[in-house]
C-alpha atoms as a PDB file:
ATOM      1  CA  UNK A   1     -19.007  15.954 -27.037  1.00  0.00           C
ATOM      2  CA  UNK A   2     -20.470  15.108 -23.914  1.00  0.00           C
ATOM      3  CA  UNK A   3     -19.257  11.309 -23.961  1.00  0.00           C
ATOM      4  CA  UNK A   4     -16.346  12.341 -25.164  1.00  0.00           C
ATOM      5  CA  UNK A   5     -15.426  15.322 -22.533  1.00  0.00           C
ATOM      6  CA  UNK A   6     -16.846  12.455 -19.320  1.00  0.00           C
ATOM      7  CA  UNK A   7     -14.365   9.820 -21.116  1.00  0.00           C
ATOM      8  CA  UNK A   8     -11.459  12.154 -20.972  1.00  0.00           C
ATOM      9  CA  UNK A   9     -11.948  13.603 -17.374  1.00  0.00           C
ATOM     10  CA  UNK A  10     -12.068   9.752 -16.302  1.00  0.00           C
ATOM     11  CA  UNK A  11      -9.073   9.004 -18.429  1.00  0.00           C
ATOM     12  CA  UNK A  12      -7.302  11.751 -16.536  1.00  0.00           C
ATOM     13  CA  UNK A  13      -8.465  10.586 -13.102  1.00  0.00           C
ATOM     14  CA  UNK A  14      -7.625   6.917 -13.383  1.00  0.00           C
ATOM     15  CA  UNK A  15      -4.118   8.460 -14.464  1.00  0.00           C
ATOM     16  CA  UNK A  16      -4.099  10.597 -11.853  1.00  0.00           C
ATOM     17  CA  UNK A  17      -4.370   7.797  -9.278  1.00  0.00           C
ATOM     18  CA  UNK A  18      -1.017   6.477 -10.260  1.00  0.00           C
ATOM     19  CA  UNK A  19       0.633   9.863 -10.511  1.00  0.00           C
ATOM     20  CA  UNK A  20      -0.841  10.395  -6.715  1.00  0.00           C
ATOM     21  CA  UNK A  21       0.127   7.459  -5.467  1.00  0.00           C
ATOM     22  CA  UNK A  22       3.541   7.314  -6.708  1.00  0.00           C
ATOM     23  CA  UNK A  23       4.318  10.916  -5.396  1.00  0.00           C
ATOM     24  CA  UNK A  24       3.087   9.932  -1.987  1.00  0.00           C
ATOM     25  CA  UNK A  25       5.312   6.752  -1.879  1.00  0.00           C
ATOM     26  CA  UNK A  26       7.949   7.863  -3.960  1.00  0.00           C
ATOM     27  CA  UNK A  27      11.653   7.955  -2.722  1.00  0.00           C
ATOM     28  CA  UNK A  28      10.510  10.793  -0.066  1.00  0.00           C
ATOM     29  CA  UNK A  29       8.085   8.898   1.230  1.00  0.00           C
ATOM     30  CA  UNK A  30       5.472  11.188   2.834  1.00  0.00           C
ATOM     31  CA  UNK A  31       3.088   8.363   4.033  1.00  0.00           C
ATOM     32  CA  UNK A  32       3.518   4.710   4.383  1.00  0.00           C
ATOM     33  CA  UNK A  33       1.824   2.189   1.935  1.00  0.00           C
ATOM     34  CA  UNK A  34      -0.758   0.592   4.552  1.00  0.00           C
ATOM     35  CA  UNK A  35      -1.873   4.281   5.898  1.00  0.00           C
ATOM     36  CA  UNK A  36      -2.181   5.341   2.171  1.00  0.00           C
ATOM     37  CA  UNK A  37      -4.452   2.236   1.137  1.00  0.00           C
ATOM     38  CA  UNK A  38      -6.624   3.152   4.195  1.00  0.00           C
ATOM     39  CA  UNK A  39      -6.787   6.748   4.114  1.00  0.00           C
ATOM     40  CA  UNK A  40      -7.807   6.197   0.360  1.00  0.00           C
ATOM     41  CA  UNK A  41     -10.199   3.450   0.886  1.00  0.00           C
ATOM     42  CA  UNK A  42     -11.555   5.497   3.870  1.00  0.00           C
ATOM     43  CA  UNK A  43     -11.760   8.852   1.574  1.00  0.00           C
ATOM     44  CA  UNK A  44     -13.149   6.908  -1.382  1.00  0.00           C
ATOM     45  CA  UNK A  45     -16.057   5.198   0.348  1.00  0.00           C
ATOM     46  CA  UNK A  46     -17.117   8.663   1.942  1.00  0.00           C
ATOM     47  CA  UNK A  47     -17.552  10.302  -1.452  1.00  0.00           C
ATOM     48  CA  UNK A  48     -18.974   6.860  -3.019  1.00  0.00           C
ATOM     49  CA  UNK A  49     -21.539   6.890  -0.482  1.00  0.00           C
ATOM     50  CA  UNK A  50     -22.448  10.671  -0.439  1.00  0.00           C
ATOM     51  CA  UNK A  51     -22.897   9.876  -4.428  1.00  0.00           C
ATOM     52  CA  UNK A  52     -24.855   7.283  -3.682  1.00  0.00           C
ATOM     53  CA  UNK A  53     -26.988   8.762  -1.039  1.00  0.00           C
ATOM     54  CA  UNK A  54     -28.000  11.666  -2.924  1.00  0.00           C
ATOM     55  CA  UNK A  55     -29.570   9.599  -5.349  1.00  0.00           C
ATOM     56  CA  UNK A  56     -31.202   6.436  -4.259  1.00  0.00           C
ATOM     57  CA  UNK A  57     -33.847   5.860  -1.733  1.00  0.00           C
ATOM     58  CA  UNK A  58     -32.268   4.386   1.478  1.00  0.00           C
ATOM     59  CA  UNK A  59     -33.406   0.875   0.575  1.00  0.00           C
ATOM     60  CA  UNK A  60     -31.463   0.546  -2.496  1.00  0.00           C
ATOM     61  CA  UNK A  61     -28.075   2.063  -1.402  1.00  0.00           C
ATOM     62  CA  UNK A  62     -26.203  -0.677  -0.068  1.00  0.00           C
ATOM     63  CA  UNK A  63     -27.483  -3.735  -1.315  1.00  0.00           C
ATOM     64  CA  UNK A  64     -24.936  -4.504  -3.673  1.00  0.00           C
ATOM     65  CA  UNK A  65     -21.407  -5.449  -3.332  1.00  0.00           C
ATOM     66  CA  UNK A  66     -19.904  -8.505  -1.422  1.00  0.00           C
ATOM     67  CA  UNK A  67     -17.190  -9.431   1.044  1.00  0.00           C
ATOM     68  CA  UNK A  68     -15.403 -11.394  -1.499  1.00  0.00           C
ATOM     69  CA  UNK A  69     -15.435  -8.392  -4.075  1.00  0.00           C
ATOM     70  CA  UNK A  70     -14.384  -5.938  -1.171  1.00  0.00           C
ATOM     71  CA  UNK A  71     -11.575  -8.357  -0.522  1.00  0.00           C
ATOM     72  CA  UNK A  72     -10.329  -8.098  -4.116  1.00  0.00           C
ATOM     73  CA  UNK A  73     -10.433  -4.581  -3.606  1.00  0.00           C
ATOM     74  CA  UNK A  74      -8.283  -4.173  -0.783  1.00  0.00           C
ATOM     75  CA  UNK A  75      -5.999  -6.642  -2.743  1.00  0.00           C
ATOM     76  CA  UNK A  76      -5.502  -4.503  -5.885  1.00  0.00           C
ATOM     77  CA  UNK A  77      -5.208  -0.955  -3.161  1.00  0.00           C
ATOM     78  CA  UNK A  78      -2.868  -2.095  -1.129  1.00  0.00           C
ATOM     79  CA  UNK A  79      -0.346  -4.345  -3.712  1.00  0.00           C
ATOM     80  CA  UNK A  80      -0.404  -1.206  -5.651  1.00  0.00           C
ATOM     81  CA  UNK A  81       0.697   1.212  -2.992  1.00  0.00           C
ATOM     82  CA  UNK A  82       3.656  -1.203  -1.716  1.00  0.00           C
ATOM     83  CA  UNK A  83       4.643  -1.299  -5.810  1.00  0.00           C
ATOM     84  CA  UNK A  84       4.802   2.066  -6.230  1.00  0.00           C
ATOM     85  CA  UNK A  85       7.650   2.544  -3.798  1.00  0.00           C
ATOM     86  CA  UNK A  86       9.971   1.092  -6.467  1.00  0.00           C
ATOM     87  CA  UNK A  87       8.005   1.708  -9.627  1.00  0.00           C
ATOM     88  CA  UNK A  88       8.365   4.609 -11.961  1.00  0.00           C
ATOM     89  CA  UNK A  89       4.241   6.263 -12.414  1.00  0.00           C
ATOM     90  CA  UNK A  90       4.251   5.361 -16.230  1.00  0.00           C
ATOM     91  CA  UNK A  91       5.794   1.540 -15.837  1.00  0.00           C
ATOM     92  CA  UNK A  92       3.425   0.850 -12.587  1.00  0.00           C
ATOM     93  CA  UNK A  93       0.432   1.795 -14.372  1.00  0.00           C
ATOM     94  CA  UNK A  94       1.220  -0.082 -18.000  1.00  0.00           C
ATOM     95  CA  UNK A  95       1.905  -3.165 -15.892  1.00  0.00           C
ATOM     96  CA  UNK A  96      -1.252  -2.709 -13.861  1.00  0.00           C
ATOM     97  CA  UNK A  97      -3.384  -2.027 -16.813  1.00  0.00           C
ATOM     98  CA  UNK A  98      -1.763  -4.894 -18.975  1.00  0.00           C
ATOM     99  CA  UNK A  99      -2.222  -7.518 -15.846  1.00  0.00           C
ATOM    100  CA  UNK A 100      -5.995  -6.112 -15.730  1.00  0.00           C
ATOM    101  CA  UNK A 101      -7.139  -6.770 -19.097  1.00  0.00           C
ATOM    102  CA  UNK A 102      -4.917 -10.107 -19.240  1.00  0.00           C
ATOM    103  CA  UNK A 103      -6.606 -11.581 -16.633  1.00  0.00           C
ATOM    104  CA  UNK A 104      -9.988 -10.629 -17.933  1.00  0.00           C
ATOM    105  CA  UNK A 105      -9.125 -11.940 -21.216  1.00  0.00           C
ATOM    106  CA  UNK A 106      -7.733 -15.004 -20.032  1.00  0.00           C
ATOM    107  CA  UNK A 107     -10.826 -15.746 -17.930  1.00  0.00           C
ATOM    108  CA  UNK A 108     -13.016 -15.471 -21.196  1.00  0.00           C
ATOM    109  CA  UNK A 109     -10.475 -18.005 -22.808  1.00  0.00           C
ATOM    110  CA  UNK A 110     -11.231 -20.178 -19.478  1.00  0.00           C
ATOM    111  CA  UNK A 111     -14.785 -19.731 -20.159  1.00  0.00           C
ATOM    112  CA  UNK A 112     -14.759 -21.147 -23.647  1.00  0.00           C
ATOM    113  CA  UNK A 113     -14.137 -18.423 -25.730  1.00  0.00           C
ATOM    114  CA  UNK A 114     -12.325 -18.872 -28.897  1.00  0.00           C
ATOM    115  CA  UNK A 115     -10.160 -15.867 -30.191  1.00  0.00           C
ATOM    116  CA  UNK A 116      -9.524 -15.151 -34.225  1.00  0.00           C
ATOM    117  CA  UNK A 117      -5.960 -15.265 -35.036  1.00  0.00           C
ATOM    118  CA  UNK A 118      -5.375 -11.535 -35.255  1.00  0.00           C
ATOM    119  CA  UNK A 119      -6.667 -11.547 -31.508  1.00  0.00           C
ATOM    120  CA  UNK A 120      -3.797 -13.933 -30.750  1.00  0.00           C
ATOM    121  CA  UNK A 121      -1.579 -12.227 -32.522  1.00  0.00           C
ATOM    122  CA  UNK A 122      -2.447  -9.360 -30.388  1.00  0.00           C
ATOM    123  CA  UNK A 123      -2.398 -11.073 -26.750  1.00  0.00           C
ATOM    124  CA  UNK A 124       1.518 -12.491 -28.393  1.00  0.00           C
ATOM    125  CA  UNK A 125       2.518  -9.067 -28.839  1.00  0.00           C
ATOM    126  CA  UNK A 126       1.000  -7.547 -25.394  1.00  0.00           C
ATOM    127  CA  UNK A 127       3.224 -10.396 -24.146  1.00  0.00           C
ATOM    128  CA  UNK A 128       6.175  -9.827 -25.825  1.00  0.00           C
ATOM    129  CA  UNK A 129       6.130  -6.292 -24.970  1.00  0.00           C
ATOM    130  CA  UNK A 130       5.734  -6.866 -21.343  1.00  0.00           C
ATOM    131  CA  UNK A 131       8.806  -9.296 -21.223  1.00  0.00           C
ATOM    132  CA  UNK A 132      10.719  -6.859 -22.903  1.00  0.00           C
ATOM    133  CA  UNK A 133       9.904  -4.153 -19.964  1.00  0.00           C
ATOM    134  CA  UNK A 134      10.860  -6.716 -17.485  1.00  0.00           C
ATOM    135  CA  UNK A 135      14.130  -8.153 -18.993  1.00  0.00           C
ATOM    136  CA  UNK A 136      17.043  -7.617 -16.734  1.00  0.00           C
ATOM    137  CA  UNK A 137      18.790  -4.935 -17.964  1.00  0.00           C
ATOM    138  CA  UNK A 138      19.667  -1.094 -17.007  1.00  0.00           C
ATOM    139  CA  UNK A 139      16.358   0.054 -17.343  1.00  0.00           C
ATOM    140  CA  UNK A 140      14.184  -2.979 -16.272  1.00  0.00           C
ATOM    141  CA  UNK A 141      11.736  -1.965 -13.225  1.00  0.00           C
ATOM    142  CA  UNK A 142      12.106  -3.423  -9.988  1.00  0.00           C
ATOM    143  CA  UNK A 143      11.036  -6.946 -10.263  1.00  0.00           C
ATOM    144  CA  UNK A 144       9.279  -6.726  -6.584  1.00  0.00           C
ATOM    145  CA  UNK A 145       7.389  -3.708  -7.729  1.00  0.00           C
ATOM    146  CA  UNK A 146       6.396  -5.365 -10.624  1.00  0.00           C
ATOM    147  CA  UNK A 147       5.337  -8.903  -8.804  1.00  0.00           C
ATOM    148  CA  UNK A 148       3.516  -6.479  -6.501  1.00  0.00           C
ATOM    149  CA  UNK A 149       1.671  -4.304  -9.377  1.00  0.00           C
ATOM    150  CA  UNK A 150       1.035  -7.560 -11.485  1.00  0.00           C
ATOM    151  CA  UNK A 151      -0.614  -8.868  -8.558  1.00  0.00           C
ATOM    152  CA  UNK A 152      -2.939  -5.524  -8.442  1.00  0.00           C
ATOM    153  CA  UNK A 153      -3.861  -5.930 -11.603  1.00  0.00           C
ATOM    154  CA  UNK A 154      -4.957  -9.714 -11.255  1.00  0.00           C
ATOM    155  CA  UNK A 155      -6.687  -8.367  -7.944  1.00  0.00           C
ATOM    156  CA  UNK A 156      -8.834  -5.493 -10.118  1.00  0.00           C
ATOM    157  CA  UNK A 157      -9.393  -7.683 -12.790  1.00  0.00           C
ATOM    158  CA  UNK A 158     -10.721 -10.427 -10.653  1.00  0.00           C
ATOM    159  CA  UNK A 159     -12.855  -7.337  -8.843  1.00  0.00           C
ATOM    160  CA  UNK A 160     -14.059  -6.434 -12.235  1.00  0.00           C
ATOM    161  CA  UNK A 161     -15.171  -9.715 -13.352  1.00  0.00           C
ATOM    162  CA  UNK A 162     -17.202 -10.058 -10.320  1.00  0.00           C
ATOM    163  CA  UNK A 163     -18.711  -7.130 -10.890  1.00  0.00           C
ATOM    164  CA  UNK A 164     -20.476  -8.075 -14.147  1.00  0.00           C
ATOM    165  CA  UNK A 165     -24.366  -8.199 -14.645  1.00  0.00           C
ATOM    166  CA  UNK A 166     -25.483  -6.555 -11.796  1.00  0.00           C
ATOM    167  CA  UNK A 167     -27.594  -3.289 -11.942  1.00  0.00           C
ATOM    168  CA  UNK A 168     -25.959  -0.270 -10.449  1.00  0.00           C
ATOM    169  CA  UNK A 169     -22.028  -0.215 -10.287  1.00  0.00           C
ATOM    170  CA  UNK A 170     -22.168   3.111  -8.365  1.00  0.00           C
ATOM    171  CA  UNK A 171     -23.674   1.558  -5.405  1.00  0.00           C
ATOM    172  CA  UNK A 172     -21.996  -1.783  -5.866  1.00  0.00           C
ATOM    173  CA  UNK A 173     -18.520   0.177  -5.623  1.00  0.00           C
ATOM    174  CA  UNK A 174     -19.753   1.903  -2.579  1.00  0.00           C
ATOM    175  CA  UNK A 175     -20.821  -1.019  -0.982  1.00  0.00           C
ATOM    176  CA  UNK A 176     -17.647  -2.702  -1.748  1.00  0.00           C
ATOM    177  CA  UNK A 177     -15.266   0.398  -0.321  1.00  0.00           C
ATOM    178  CA  UNK A 178     -17.056   0.310   2.771  1.00  0.00           C
ATOM    179  CA  UNK A 179     -16.579  -3.657   3.358  1.00  0.00           C
ATOM    180  CA  UNK A 180     -13.010  -3.003   2.370  1.00  0.00           C
ATOM    181  CA  UNK A 181     -12.323  -0.756   5.314  1.00  0.00           C
ATOM    182  CA  UNK A 182     -12.713  -3.530   8.036  1.00  0.00           C
ATOM    183  CA  UNK A 183      -9.469  -5.107   6.220  1.00  0.00           C
ATOM    184  CA  UNK A 184      -7.712  -1.641   5.947  1.00  0.00           C
ATOM    185  CA  UNK A 185      -8.364  -1.108   9.675  1.00  0.00           C
ATOM    186  CA  UNK A 186      -6.820  -4.708  10.614  1.00  0.00           C
ATOM    187  CA  UNK A 187      -3.665  -4.044   8.754  1.00  0.00           C
ATOM    188  CA  UNK A 188      -3.470  -0.774  10.320  1.00  0.00           C
ATOM    189  CA  UNK A 189      -3.255  -2.902  13.503  1.00  0.00           C
ATOM    190  CA  UNK A 190      -0.789  -5.544  12.290  1.00  0.00           C
ATOM    191  CA  UNK A 191       1.581  -2.757  10.827  1.00  0.00           C
ATOM    192  CA  UNK A 192       1.089   0.005  13.650  1.00  0.00           C
ATOM    193  CA  UNK A 193       4.710   0.046  14.432  1.00  0.00           C
ATOM    194  CA  UNK A 194       5.611   0.921  10.665  1.00  0.00           C
ATOM    195  CA  UNK A 195       3.144   3.765  10.120  1.00  0.00           C
ATOM    196  CA  UNK A 196       4.459   7.283   8.773  1.00  0.00           C
ATOM    197  CA  UNK A 197       1.686   9.609   8.301  1.00  0.00           C
ATOM    198  CA  UNK A 198       2.496  13.334   7.444  1.00  0.00           C
ATOM    199  CA  UNK A 199       0.120  16.597   6.265  1.00  0.00           C
ATOM    200  CA  UNK A 200       1.428  16.167   2.920  1.00  0.00           C
ATOM    201  CA  UNK A 201       0.837  12.124   2.309  1.00  0.00           C
ATOM    202  CA  UNK A 202      -2.392  12.601   4.364  1.00  0.00           C
ATOM    203  CA  UNK A 203      -3.907  15.135   1.506  1.00  0.00           C
ATOM    204  CA  UNK A 204      -2.583  12.705  -1.385  1.00  0.00           C
ATOM    205  CA  UNK A 205      -4.133   9.970  -0.082  1.00  0.00           C
ATOM    206  CA  UNK A 206      -7.335  11.932   0.555  1.00  0.00           C
ATOM    207  CA  UNK A 207      -7.185  13.661  -3.172  1.00  0.00           C
ATOM    208  CA  UNK A 208      -6.679   9.502  -4.856  1.00  0.00           C
ATOM    209  CA  UNK A 209      -9.810   8.490  -2.695  1.00  0.00           C
ATOM    210  CA  UNK A 210     -11.953  11.321  -2.843  1.00  0.00           C
ATOM    211  CA  UNK A 211     -11.097  12.759  -6.035  1.00  0.00           C
ATOM    212  CA  UNK A 212      -9.628  10.304  -8.675  1.00  0.00           C
ATOM    213  CA  UNK A 213     -11.198   7.481  -7.080  1.00  0.00           C
ATOM    214  CA  UNK A 214     -14.655   8.396  -6.038  1.00  0.00           C
ATOM    215  CA  UNK A 215     -15.483  11.034  -8.202  1.00  0.00           C
ATOM    216  CA  UNK A 216     -13.327   9.354 -10.883  1.00  0.00           C
ATOM    217  CA  UNK A 217     -15.554   6.354 -10.854  1.00  0.00           C
ATOM    218  CA  UNK A 218     -18.485   8.289 -10.633  1.00  0.00           C
ATOM    219  CA  UNK A 219     -17.620  10.350 -13.946  1.00  0.00           C
ATOM    220  CA  UNK A 220     -16.385   6.523 -15.957  1.00  0.00           C
ATOM    221  CA  UNK A 221     -19.839   5.659 -14.927  1.00  0.00           C
ATOM    222  CA  UNK A 222     -21.718   8.164 -16.765  1.00  0.00           C
ATOM    223  CA  UNK A 223     -19.297   8.562 -19.740  1.00  0.00           C
ATOM    224  CA  UNK A 224     -19.491   4.385 -20.140  1.00  0.00           C
ATOM    225  CA  UNK A 225     -23.423   4.286 -21.033  1.00  0.00           C
ATOM    226  CA  UNK A 226     -22.447   5.616 -24.586  1.00  0.00           C
ATOM    227  CA  UNK A 227     -19.259   3.180 -25.300  1.00  0.00           C
ATOM    228  CA  UNK A 228     -19.321   0.013 -26.288  1.00  0.00           C
ATOM    229  CA  UNK A 229     -17.659  -2.748 -24.287  1.00  0.00           C
ATOM    230  CA  UNK A 230     -14.875  -2.830 -26.697  1.00  0.00           C
ATOM    231  CA  UNK A 231     -14.714   1.052 -26.948  1.00  0.00           C
ATOM    232  CA  UNK A 232     -14.574   1.383 -23.363  1.00  0.00           C
ATOM    233  CA  UNK A 233     -11.749  -1.248 -22.812  1.00  0.00           C
ATOM    234  CA  UNK A 234     -10.096   0.449 -25.810  1.00  0.00           C
ATOM    235  CA  UNK A 235     -10.139   3.494 -24.319  1.00  0.00           C
ATOM    236  CA  UNK A 236      -8.752   2.689 -21.296  1.00  0.00           C
ATOM    237  CA  UNK A 237      -5.437   2.078 -22.537  1.00  0.00           C
ATOM    238  CA  UNK A 238      -4.468   5.727 -22.877  1.00  0.00           C
ATOM    239  CA  UNK A 239      -4.471   5.981 -19.318  1.00  0.00           C
ATOM    240  CA  UNK A 240      -0.892   4.269 -19.076  1.00  0.00           C
ATOM    241  CA  UNK A 241       0.498   6.876 -21.642  1.00  0.00           C
ATOM    242  CA  UNK A 242      -1.149  10.035 -19.532  1.00  0.00           C
ATOM    243  CA  UNK A 243       0.495   8.325 -16.214  1.00  0.00           C
ATOM    244  CA  UNK A 244       4.094   8.051 -17.840  1.00  0.00           C
ATOM    245  CA  UNK A 245       4.141  11.755 -19.007  1.00  0.00           C
ATOM    246  CA  UNK A 246       2.531  13.242 -15.839  1.00  0.00           C
ATOM    247  CA  UNK A 247       5.434  10.985 -14.079  1.00  0.00           C
ATOM    248  CA  UNK A 248       7.722  12.928 -16.719  1.00  0.00           C
ATOM    249  CA  UNK A 249       6.455  16.281 -16.429  1.00  0.00           C
ATOM    250  CA  UNK A 250       5.896  16.478 -12.649  1.00  0.00           C
ATOM    251  CA  UNK A 251       8.183  14.010 -10.913  1.00  0.00           C
ATOM    252  CA  UNK A 252      11.084  14.239 -13.182  1.00  0.00           C
ATOM    253  CA  UNK A 253      10.836  10.498 -13.775  1.00  0.00           C
ATOM    254  CA  UNK A 254      13.156   9.360 -17.151  1.00  0.00           C
ATOM    255  CA  UNK A 255      10.974   8.233 -20.128  1.00  0.00           C
ATOM    256  CA  UNK A 256      13.284   5.578 -21.917  1.00  0.00           C
ATOM    257  CA  UNK A 257      13.297   3.744 -25.442  1.00  0.00           C
ATOM    258  CA  UNK A 258      12.231   0.490 -23.339  1.00  0.00           C
ATOM    259  CA  UNK A 259       9.597   1.845 -22.049  1.00  0.00           C
ATOM    260  CA  UNK A 260       8.195   3.740 -25.410  1.00  0.00           C
ATOM    261  CA  UNK A 261       8.701   0.477 -27.506  1.00  0.00           C
ATOM    262  CA  UNK A 262       7.020  -2.042 -24.853  1.00  0.00           C
ATOM    263  CA  UNK A 263       3.833   0.396 -24.141  1.00  0.00           C
ATOM    264  CA  UNK A 264       3.457   0.679 -28.124  1.00  0.00           C
ATOM    265  CA  UNK A 265       3.449  -3.484 -27.639  1.00  0.00           C
ATOM    266  CA  UNK A 266       1.713  -3.984 -24.741  1.00  0.00           C
ATOM    267  CA  UNK A 267      -1.246  -1.210 -25.665  1.00  0.00           C
ATOM    268  CA  UNK A 268      -1.113  -1.877 -29.250  1.00  0.00           C
ATOM    269  CA  UNK A 269      -1.538  -6.245 -28.619  1.00  0.00           C
ATOM    270  CA  UNK A 270      -4.372  -5.798 -26.228  1.00  0.00           C
ATOM    271  CA  UNK A 271      -6.110  -3.324 -28.649  1.00  0.00           C
ATOM    272  CA  UNK A 272      -6.122  -6.244 -31.324  1.00  0.00           C
ATOM    273  CA  UNK A 273      -7.903  -7.998 -28.693  1.00  0.00           C
ATOM    274  CA  UNK A 274     -10.563  -6.085 -27.293  1.00  0.00           C
ATOM    275  CA  UNK A 275     -11.044  -4.224 -30.646  1.00  0.00           C
ATOM    276  CA  UNK A 276     -11.801  -7.692 -32.430  1.00  0.00           C
ATOM    277  CA  UNK A 277     -14.073  -8.539 -29.291  1.00  0.00           C
ATOM    278  CA  UNK A 278     -11.958 -11.207 -27.679  1.00  0.00           C
ATOM    279  CA  UNK A 279     -14.633 -11.014 -25.011  1.00  0.00           C
ATOM    280  CA  UNK A 280     -17.468  -9.013 -26.198  1.00  0.00           C
ATOM    281  CA  UNK A 281     -19.253  -9.351 -23.026  1.00  0.00           C
ATOM    282  CA  UNK A 282     -16.064  -8.353 -20.605  1.00  0.00           C
ATOM    283  CA  UNK A 283     -16.819  -5.235 -18.364  1.00  0.00           C
ATOM    284  CA  UNK A 284     -14.665  -2.294 -18.594  1.00  0.00           C
ATOM    285  CA  UNK A 285     -11.386  -2.796 -16.690  1.00  0.00           C
ATOM    286  CA  UNK A 286     -11.762   0.054 -14.124  1.00  0.00           C
ATOM    287  CA  UNK A 287     -15.561  -0.534 -13.134  1.00  0.00           C
ATOM    288  CA  UNK A 288     -17.968  -3.067 -12.607  1.00  0.00           C
ATOM    289  CA  UNK A 289     -20.091  -3.504 -16.031  1.00  0.00           C
ATOM    290  CA  UNK A 290     -23.402  -3.299 -14.688  1.00  0.00           C
ATOM    291  CA  UNK A 291     -22.848  -3.650 -10.905  1.00  0.00           C
ATOM    292  CA  UNK A 292     -21.759  -6.404  -8.285  1.00  0.00           C
ATOM    293  CA  UNK A 293     -23.023 -10.140  -8.053  1.00  0.00           C
ATOM    294  CA  UNK A 294     -24.894 -10.844  -4.624  1.00  0.00           C
ATOM    295  CA  UNK A 295     -22.342 -13.734  -3.932  1.00  0.00           C
ATOM    296  CA  UNK A 296     -21.336 -13.107  -0.236  1.00  0.00           C
END
């Protein structure tokens, strides 16, 4: 029950990230994507640094992480923010999670893993679902937003893959958030003529960084200790579903037959792959498995 509760809270946090981002960057646009990303990373770094400081000796707090991982983290955050200018909450989350899992499964294939026939079927079904979701039509999402969100998913997948094998995922993520801040600051300088910041937008960005990212990751790290790698991957497939219905309930977004059918295909196909152990050693998609590598 303890693990189930922590896992549920973590999935709500992951879905909440998509909801908050869409609320901040939807039609009203109370904040621009660059400012949103910078505030999210800063508030996330502050909360994660506090959590690390409370539980570790000073010498062990920030010895993990790398600049390359921080770059992938920043690319994920900024691409996700710009994508939500034109994507609904659930569609964005669905593309994001699908791209993350596809990136990690693809890396396994390139490294020599050989899926079983049922796993190949799962990948084919998931790919067909994504093609159906993005196929031109009345209810198809913006291709620019879809491309950006796919890039965000690839970036997070790469970040997660680099995090496999280290010993302290919380300290690693805190270090990478801190290292991503100079990149965010540089982009703020470049985009200074296009910045827009309101109290509501600032609040949404802080909530995303501090609560659904910082605290959400900490809860996930506690939950994942009681889950197998496959179970951890499968359970994360609930986040796009939660995000979809949150968008319908709170943002009056439309739940179309295309979204429902493609969701079933994409999530069902990925579930077939990870349940059958297509990448038995892969990390959970939204957190480094055991920390970050030491490459800088």
